[in-house]
Amino acid sequence: MYEPIRTKSVHAMADPGDFPHRSREEELDIQLAGHLAALLAVTDELRALTPDGDGDLDAAADSLAHQVARLRGGASPVRSAVTSAIHEPHAAALHQRAHALAGRALVVAASRADTAAAILAARRMEAHASAARLVSA
């Protein structure tokens, strides 16, 4: 009824040394750096919203940039330069997005056992949760 397969599977023919493999730790580093970099971009956008220059957001951005650079082997993250005026309802959505990103970073940091990144992510979650409540109230 069916013709038998006469050649080896492409998976069986591939030599494991033909392509680079990353360890679980390296994959988690890449994920964590990505989540923290996304959180940094949102934080930079929120910093542009506050005309008086919120010191908490400035310190958070510096800490996030430091952690991303550490995870990427010293490569500095790309920083966002938001110059346009943004209306207030957008700030609540940004805080919600930042809260979600910090939550993702916290999960990866916990599975990676990265205490510094986990503490930073947890603090950012708390800060954005309270800021979102203030903005939407």
N, C-alpha and C. Protein backbone atom coordinates (compact mmCIF):
# COMPACT_ATOMS: atom_id res chain seq x y z
N MET A 1 0.82 -1.18 0.00
CA MET A 1 0.00 0.00 0.00
C MET A 1 0.87 1.26 0.00
N TYR A 2 1.80 1.36 0.94
CA TYR A 2 2.72 2.49 0.97
C TYR A 2 4.10 2.00 0.59
N GLU A 3 4.82 2.84 -0.10
CA GLU A 3 6.19 2.49 -0.47
C GLU A 3 7.10 2.74 0.74
N PRO A 4 7.98 1.82 1.05
CA PRO A 4 8.85 2.02 2.21
C PRO A 4 9.84 3.17 1.98
N ILE A 5 10.23 3.80 3.05
CA ILE A 5 11.21 4.89 2.99
C ILE A 5 12.57 4.27 2.75
N ARG A 6 13.25 4.73 1.71
CA ARG A 6 14.53 4.13 1.33
C ARG A 6 15.74 4.96 1.76
N THR A 7 15.51 6.19 2.12
CA THR A 7 16.64 7.03 2.54
C THR A 7 16.52 7.36 4.01
N LYS A 8 17.65 7.75 4.58
CA LYS A 8 17.64 8.14 5.98
C LYS A 8 16.94 9.49 6.15
N SER A 9 16.41 9.69 7.32
CA SER A 9 15.78 10.95 7.66
C SER A 9 16.83 12.06 7.65
N VAL A 10 16.42 13.25 7.31
CA VAL A 10 17.35 14.38 7.34
C VAL A 10 17.84 14.63 8.76
N HIS A 11 17.04 14.26 9.74
CA HIS A 11 17.46 14.43 11.13
C HIS A 11 18.54 13.44 11.50
N ALA A 12 18.48 12.26 10.93
CA ALA A 12 19.50 11.25 11.21
C ALA A 12 20.79 11.57 10.48
N MET A 13 20.70 12.26 9.36
CA MET A 13 21.89 12.55 8.56
C MET A 13 22.65 13.76 9.11
N ALA A 14 22.01 14.63 9.84
CA ALA A 14 22.67 15.84 10.33
C ALA A 14 23.68 15.48 11.41
N ASP A 15 24.85 16.02 11.28
CA ASP A 15 25.90 15.82 12.28
C ASP A 15 25.68 16.83 13.39
N PRO A 16 25.62 16.39 14.65
CA PRO A 16 25.37 17.32 15.75
C PRO A 16 26.40 18.45 15.84
N GLY A 17 27.56 18.27 15.28
CA GLY A 17 28.58 19.32 15.32
C GLY A 17 28.46 20.32 14.19
N ASP A 18 27.45 20.15 13.32
CA ASP A 18 27.30 21.03 12.17
C ASP A 18 26.78 22.42 12.51
N PHE A 19 26.06 22.55 13.61
CA PHE A 19 25.51 23.85 13.96
C PHE A 19 25.72 24.09 15.46
N PRO A 20 25.84 25.34 15.82
CA PRO A 20 26.13 25.64 17.24
C PRO A 20 24.93 25.36 18.14
N HIS A 21 25.22 24.90 19.30
CA HIS A 21 24.20 24.65 20.31
C HIS A 21 24.42 25.61 21.46
N ARG A 22 23.32 26.02 22.07
CA ARG A 22 23.44 26.86 23.26
C ARG A 22 22.93 26.06 24.45
N SER A 23 23.54 26.31 25.57
CA SER A 23 23.10 25.64 26.79
C SER A 23 21.81 26.29 27.29
N ARG A 24 21.17 25.65 28.23
CA ARG A 24 19.95 26.19 28.82
C ARG A 24 20.24 27.54 29.48
N GLU A 25 21.38 27.64 30.15
CA GLU A 25 21.76 28.90 30.79
C GLU A 25 21.92 30.02 29.78
N GLU A 26 22.53 29.73 28.65
CA GLU A 26 22.70 30.75 27.61
C GLU A 26 21.35 31.19 27.04
N GLU A 27 20.46 30.23 26.84
CA GLU A 27 19.13 30.57 26.35
C GLU A 27 18.38 31.44 27.35
N LEU A 28 18.49 31.10 28.64
CA LEU A 28 17.83 31.92 29.67
C LEU A 28 18.44 33.30 29.75
N ASP A 29 19.77 33.40 29.58
CA ASP A 29 20.42 34.72 29.55
C ASP A 29 19.86 35.57 28.41
N ILE A 30 19.70 34.96 27.24
CA ILE A 30 19.19 35.68 26.08
C ILE A 30 17.75 36.14 26.33
N GLN A 31 16.94 35.24 26.88
CA GLN A 31 15.54 35.60 27.19
C GLN A 31 15.47 36.72 28.21
N LEU A 32 16.23 36.59 29.28
CA LEU A 32 16.21 37.59 30.34
C LEU A 32 16.69 38.94 29.83
N ALA A 33 17.76 38.94 29.06
CA ALA A 33 18.26 40.19 28.50
C ALA A 33 17.21 40.83 27.59
N GLY A 34 16.49 40.02 26.83
CA GLY A 34 15.45 40.54 25.95
C GLY A 34 14.30 41.17 26.72
N HIS A 35 13.85 40.49 27.77
CA HIS A 35 12.76 41.05 28.58
C HIS A 35 13.19 42.34 29.28
N LEU A 36 14.40 42.34 29.81
CA LEU A 36 14.89 43.55 30.50
C LEU A 36 15.12 44.69 29.51
N ALA A 37 15.57 44.38 28.30
CA ALA A 37 15.75 45.42 27.29
C ALA A 37 14.41 46.01 26.86
N ALA A 38 13.40 45.17 26.74
CA ALA A 38 12.06 45.67 26.41
C ALA A 38 11.52 46.54 27.54
N LEU A 39 11.76 46.11 28.77
CA LEU A 39 11.35 46.91 29.93
C LEU A 39 12.10 48.24 29.97
N LEU A 40 13.35 48.23 29.58
CA LEU A 40 14.14 49.47 29.51
C LEU A 40 13.55 50.42 28.47
N ALA A 41 13.13 49.89 27.33
CA ALA A 41 12.54 50.74 26.29
C ALA A 41 11.25 51.40 26.78
N VAL A 42 10.42 50.64 27.48
CA VAL A 42 9.18 51.20 28.02
C VAL A 42 9.50 52.22 29.12
N THR A 43 10.51 51.91 29.92
CA THR A 43 10.91 52.83 30.99
C THR A 43 11.41 54.15 30.39
N ASP A 44 12.19 54.07 29.31
CA ASP A 44 12.65 55.29 28.65
C ASP A 44 11.48 56.10 28.10
N GLU A 45 10.47 55.41 27.59
CA GLU A 45 9.29 56.12 27.09
C GLU A 45 8.54 56.79 28.23
N LEU A 46 8.44 56.11 29.36
CA LEU A 46 7.79 56.70 30.53
C LEU A 46 8.59 57.88 31.07
N ARG A 47 9.91 57.79 30.99
CA ARG A 47 10.76 58.91 31.43
C ARG A 47 10.49 60.15 30.58
N ALA A 48 10.20 59.94 29.30
CA ALA A 48 9.90 61.07 28.42
C ALA A 48 8.55 61.70 28.76
N LEU A 49 7.66 60.91 29.37
CA LEU A 49 6.34 61.43 29.76
C LEU A 49 6.42 62.37 30.95
N THR A 50 7.37 62.15 31.83
CA THR A 50 7.46 62.95 33.06
C THR A 50 8.38 64.14 32.79
N PRO A 51 7.81 65.32 32.66
CA PRO A 51 8.62 66.50 32.33
C PRO A 51 9.60 66.89 33.42
N ASP A 52 9.29 66.56 34.68
CA ASP A 52 10.18 66.95 35.76
C ASP A 52 11.33 65.97 35.95
N GLY A 53 11.35 64.86 35.21
CA GLY A 53 12.44 63.90 35.34
C GLY A 53 12.34 63.10 36.62
N ASP A 54 11.46 62.14 36.64
CA ASP A 54 11.25 61.29 37.81
C ASP A 54 12.55 60.53 38.13
N GLY A 55 13.07 60.75 39.32
CA GLY A 55 14.32 60.12 39.74
C GLY A 55 14.22 58.61 39.84
N ASP A 56 13.04 58.09 40.19
CA ASP A 56 12.85 56.65 40.30
C ASP A 56 12.99 55.99 38.94
N LEU A 57 12.41 56.60 37.91
CA LEU A 57 12.52 56.04 36.57
C LEU A 57 13.95 56.14 36.03
N ASP A 58 14.63 57.23 36.37
CA ASP A 58 16.02 57.37 35.95
C ASP A 58 16.90 56.29 36.56
N ALA A 59 16.74 56.05 37.85
CA ALA A 59 17.52 55.02 38.54
C ALA A 59 17.17 53.64 38.01
N ALA A 60 15.88 53.41 37.75
CA ALA A 60 15.45 52.12 37.22
C ALA A 60 16.05 51.89 35.83
N ALA A 61 16.05 52.92 35.00
CA ALA A 61 16.62 52.79 33.65
C ALA A 61 18.10 52.47 33.72
N ASP A 62 18.81 53.13 34.62
CA ASP A 62 20.24 52.85 34.78
C ASP A 62 20.47 51.41 35.25
N SER A 63 19.68 50.96 36.20
CA SER A 63 19.81 49.58 36.71
C SER A 63 19.48 48.56 35.62
N LEU A 64 18.43 48.83 34.86
CA LEU A 64 18.06 47.93 33.77
C LEU A 64 19.16 47.87 32.71
N ALA A 65 19.71 49.03 32.35
CA ALA A 65 20.78 49.06 31.36
C ALA A 65 22.00 48.28 31.85
N HIS A 66 22.30 48.41 33.13
CA HIS A 66 23.43 47.68 33.71
C HIS A 66 23.20 46.17 33.64
N GLN A 67 22.01 45.72 33.98
CA GLN A 67 21.70 44.28 33.96
C GLN A 67 21.72 43.73 32.53
N VAL A 68 21.19 44.48 31.58
CA VAL A 68 21.20 44.04 30.18
C VAL A 68 22.63 43.93 29.68
N ALA A 69 23.45 44.91 30.00
CA ALA A 69 24.86 44.87 29.59
C ALA A 69 25.57 43.68 30.23
N ARG A 70 25.27 43.39 31.47
CA ARG A 70 25.90 42.24 32.15
C ARG A 70 25.52 40.94 31.47
N LEU A 71 24.23 40.80 31.14
CA LEU A 71 23.76 39.57 30.50
C LEU A 71 24.26 39.41 29.07
N ARG A 72 24.53 40.52 28.42
CA ARG A 72 25.01 40.48 27.03
C ARG A 72 26.53 40.55 26.94
N GLY A 73 27.19 40.31 28.02
CA GLY A 73 28.65 40.29 27.98
C GLY A 73 29.28 41.65 27.83
N GLY A 74 28.64 42.67 28.36
CA GLY A 74 29.18 44.03 28.32
C GLY A 74 28.64 44.90 27.20
N ALA A 75 27.87 44.35 26.29
CA ALA A 75 27.30 45.14 25.19
C ALA A 75 26.17 46.02 25.73
N SER A 76 26.31 47.31 25.54
CA SER A 76 25.30 48.25 26.03
C SER A 76 24.01 48.13 25.25
N PRO A 77 22.86 48.24 25.93
CA PRO A 77 21.58 48.16 25.23
C PRO A 77 21.30 49.43 24.45
N VAL A 78 20.48 49.31 23.44
CA VAL A 78 20.03 50.46 22.67
C VAL A 78 19.00 51.19 23.51
N ARG A 79 19.19 52.50 23.64
CA ARG A 79 18.27 53.30 24.44
C ARG A 79 17.29 54.03 23.55
N SER A 80 16.08 54.18 24.05
CA SER A 80 15.02 54.85 23.31
C SER A 80 15.08 56.35 23.55
N ALA A 81 14.92 57.10 22.50
CA ALA A 81 14.88 58.56 22.60
C ALA A 81 13.51 59.02 22.12
N VAL A 82 12.57 59.12 23.04
CA VAL A 82 11.21 59.54 22.71
C VAL A 82 11.15 61.05 22.90
N THR A 83 10.83 61.75 21.83
CA THR A 83 10.78 63.21 21.91
C THR A 83 9.39 63.78 21.70
N SER A 84 8.47 62.98 21.21
CA SER A 84 7.13 63.51 20.93
C SER A 84 6.30 63.57 22.20
N ALA A 85 5.36 64.48 22.22
CA ALA A 85 4.45 64.59 23.37
C ALA A 85 3.45 63.45 23.33
N ILE A 86 3.23 62.86 24.46
CA ILE A 86 2.33 61.72 24.56
C ILE A 86 1.22 62.09 25.53
N HIS A 87 0.00 61.70 25.21
CA HIS A 87 -1.11 62.05 26.08
C HIS A 87 -1.19 61.12 27.28
N GLU A 88 -1.87 61.53 28.29
CA GLU A 88 -1.92 60.86 29.60
C GLU A 88 -2.48 59.44 29.59
N PRO A 89 -3.58 59.13 28.87
CA PRO A 89 -4.09 57.74 28.90
C PRO A 89 -3.06 56.73 28.42
N HIS A 90 -2.13 57.18 27.58
CA HIS A 90 -1.07 56.31 27.09
C HIS A 90 -0.16 55.87 28.24
N ALA A 91 -0.02 56.70 29.24
CA ALA A 91 0.86 56.38 30.38
C ALA A 91 0.35 55.16 31.14
N ALA A 92 -0.94 55.03 31.32
CA ALA A 92 -1.49 53.87 32.02
C ALA A 92 -1.19 52.59 31.26
N ALA A 93 -1.32 52.63 29.94
CA ALA A 93 -1.02 51.45 29.12
C ALA A 93 0.47 51.11 29.19
N LEU A 94 1.30 52.13 29.22
CA LEU A 94 2.74 51.89 29.33
C LEU A 94 3.09 51.25 30.67
N HIS A 95 2.47 51.71 31.74
CA HIS A 95 2.72 51.11 33.05
C HIS A 95 2.24 49.66 33.09
N GLN A 96 1.11 49.39 32.44
CA GLN A 96 0.63 48.00 32.40
C GLN A 96 1.58 47.12 31.59
N ARG A 97 2.07 47.64 30.48
CA ARG A 97 3.03 46.89 29.66
C ARG A 97 4.32 46.66 30.42
N ALA A 98 4.80 47.68 31.12
CA ALA A 98 6.03 47.54 31.90
C ALA A 98 5.85 46.52 33.01
N HIS A 99 4.67 46.52 33.63
CA HIS A 99 4.38 45.55 34.69
C HIS A 99 4.43 44.12 34.13
N ALA A 100 3.84 43.91 32.96
CA ALA A 100 3.85 42.59 32.33
C ALA A 100 5.27 42.16 31.95
N LEU A 101 6.04 43.09 31.40
CA LEU A 101 7.43 42.77 31.03
C LEU A 101 8.27 42.44 32.25
N ALA A 102 8.06 43.19 33.32
CA ALA A 102 8.81 42.92 34.55
C ALA A 102 8.42 41.55 35.11
N GLY A 103 7.16 41.18 34.97
CA GLY A 103 6.72 39.86 35.41
C GLY A 103 7.39 38.74 34.62
N ARG A 104 7.49 38.92 33.32
CA ARG A 104 8.18 37.92 32.49
C ARG A 104 9.65 37.83 32.87
N ALA A 105 10.26 38.98 33.08
CA ALA A 105 11.67 38.99 33.48
C ALA A 105 11.85 38.30 34.83
N LEU A 106 10.92 38.50 35.74
CA LEU A 106 10.99 37.87 37.05
C LEU A 106 10.92 36.35 36.94
N VAL A 107 10.06 35.85 36.09
CA VAL A 107 9.93 34.40 35.92
C VAL A 107 11.23 33.81 35.37
N VAL A 108 11.81 34.45 34.36
CA VAL A 108 13.05 33.94 33.78
C VAL A 108 14.20 34.08 34.77
N ALA A 109 14.26 35.20 35.48
CA ALA A 109 15.33 35.40 36.46
C ALA A 109 15.25 34.37 37.58
N ALA A 110 14.04 34.03 37.98
CA ALA A 110 13.87 33.02 39.03
C ALA A 110 14.30 31.65 38.54
N SER A 111 13.96 31.30 37.30
CA SER A 111 14.37 29.99 36.79
C SER A 111 15.86 29.93 36.52
N ARG A 112 16.47 31.07 36.30
CA ARG A 112 17.91 31.16 36.08
C ARG A 112 18.67 31.31 37.40
N ALA A 113 17.95 31.59 38.48
CA ALA A 113 18.52 31.83 39.80
C ALA A 113 19.42 33.06 39.79
N ASP A 114 18.97 34.11 39.11
CA ASP A 114 19.67 35.38 39.06
C ASP A 114 19.00 36.32 40.05
N THR A 115 19.57 36.40 41.25
CA THR A 115 18.96 37.16 42.33
C THR A 115 18.86 38.65 42.01
N ALA A 116 19.93 39.22 41.48
CA ALA A 116 19.94 40.66 41.20
C ALA A 116 18.85 41.03 40.20
N ALA A 117 18.73 40.27 39.13
CA ALA A 117 17.71 40.56 38.12
C ALA A 117 16.31 40.31 38.68
N ALA A 118 16.16 39.28 39.51
CA ALA A 118 14.85 38.98 40.09
C ALA A 118 14.40 40.10 41.02
N ILE A 119 15.30 40.60 41.83
CA ILE A 119 14.96 41.71 42.74
C ILE A 119 14.59 42.95 41.95
N LEU A 120 15.37 43.26 40.93
CA LEU A 120 15.09 44.42 40.09
C LEU A 120 13.72 44.28 39.41
N ALA A 121 13.44 43.12 38.87
CA ALA A 121 12.16 42.90 38.19
C ALA A 121 10.99 43.00 39.17
N ALA A 122 11.15 42.44 40.36
CA ALA A 122 10.08 42.51 41.37
C ALA A 122 9.82 43.96 41.79
N ARG A 123 10.88 44.73 41.96
CA ARG A 123 10.72 46.15 42.33
C ARG A 123 10.03 46.94 41.22
N ARG A 124 10.39 46.63 39.97
CA ARG A 124 9.75 47.32 38.85
C ARG A 124 8.27 46.94 38.75
N MET A 125 7.96 45.68 39.04
CA MET A 125 6.55 45.26 39.02
C MET A 125 5.75 46.05 40.04
N GLU A 126 6.29 46.17 41.25
CA GLU A 126 5.60 46.93 42.30
C GLU A 126 5.44 48.40 41.90
N ALA A 127 6.51 48.99 41.39
CA ALA A 127 6.46 50.41 41.03
C ALA A 127 5.45 50.66 39.91
N HIS A 128 5.42 49.81 38.91
CA HIS A 128 4.50 50.02 37.79
C HIS A 128 3.07 49.69 38.17
N ALA A 129 2.87 48.75 39.06
CA ALA A 129 1.52 48.45 39.52
C ALA A 129 0.94 49.65 40.29
N SER A 130 1.73 50.23 41.18
CA SER A 130 1.24 51.39 41.91
C SER A 130 1.08 52.61 41.00
N ALA A 131 1.99 52.79 40.06
CA ALA A 131 1.88 53.92 39.13
C ALA A 131 0.66 53.77 38.23
N ALA A 132 0.37 52.56 37.80
CA ALA A 132 -0.81 52.33 36.94
C ALA A 132 -2.08 52.65 37.71
N ARG A 133 -2.12 52.31 39.00
CA ARG A 133 -3.30 52.63 39.83
C ARG A 133 -3.45 54.15 39.95
N LEU A 134 -2.35 54.87 40.14
CA LEU A 134 -2.41 56.33 40.29
C LEU A 134 -2.86 56.99 39.01
N VAL A 135 -2.33 56.54 37.89
CA VAL A 135 -2.65 57.18 36.61
C VAL A 135 -4.10 56.94 36.21
N SER A 136 -4.59 55.73 36.46
CA SER A 136 -5.95 55.43 36.04
C SER A 136 -7.01 55.88 37.04
N ALA A 137 -6.58 56.35 38.20
CA ALA A 137 -7.56 56.82 39.21
C ALA A 137 -8.01 58.24 38.95
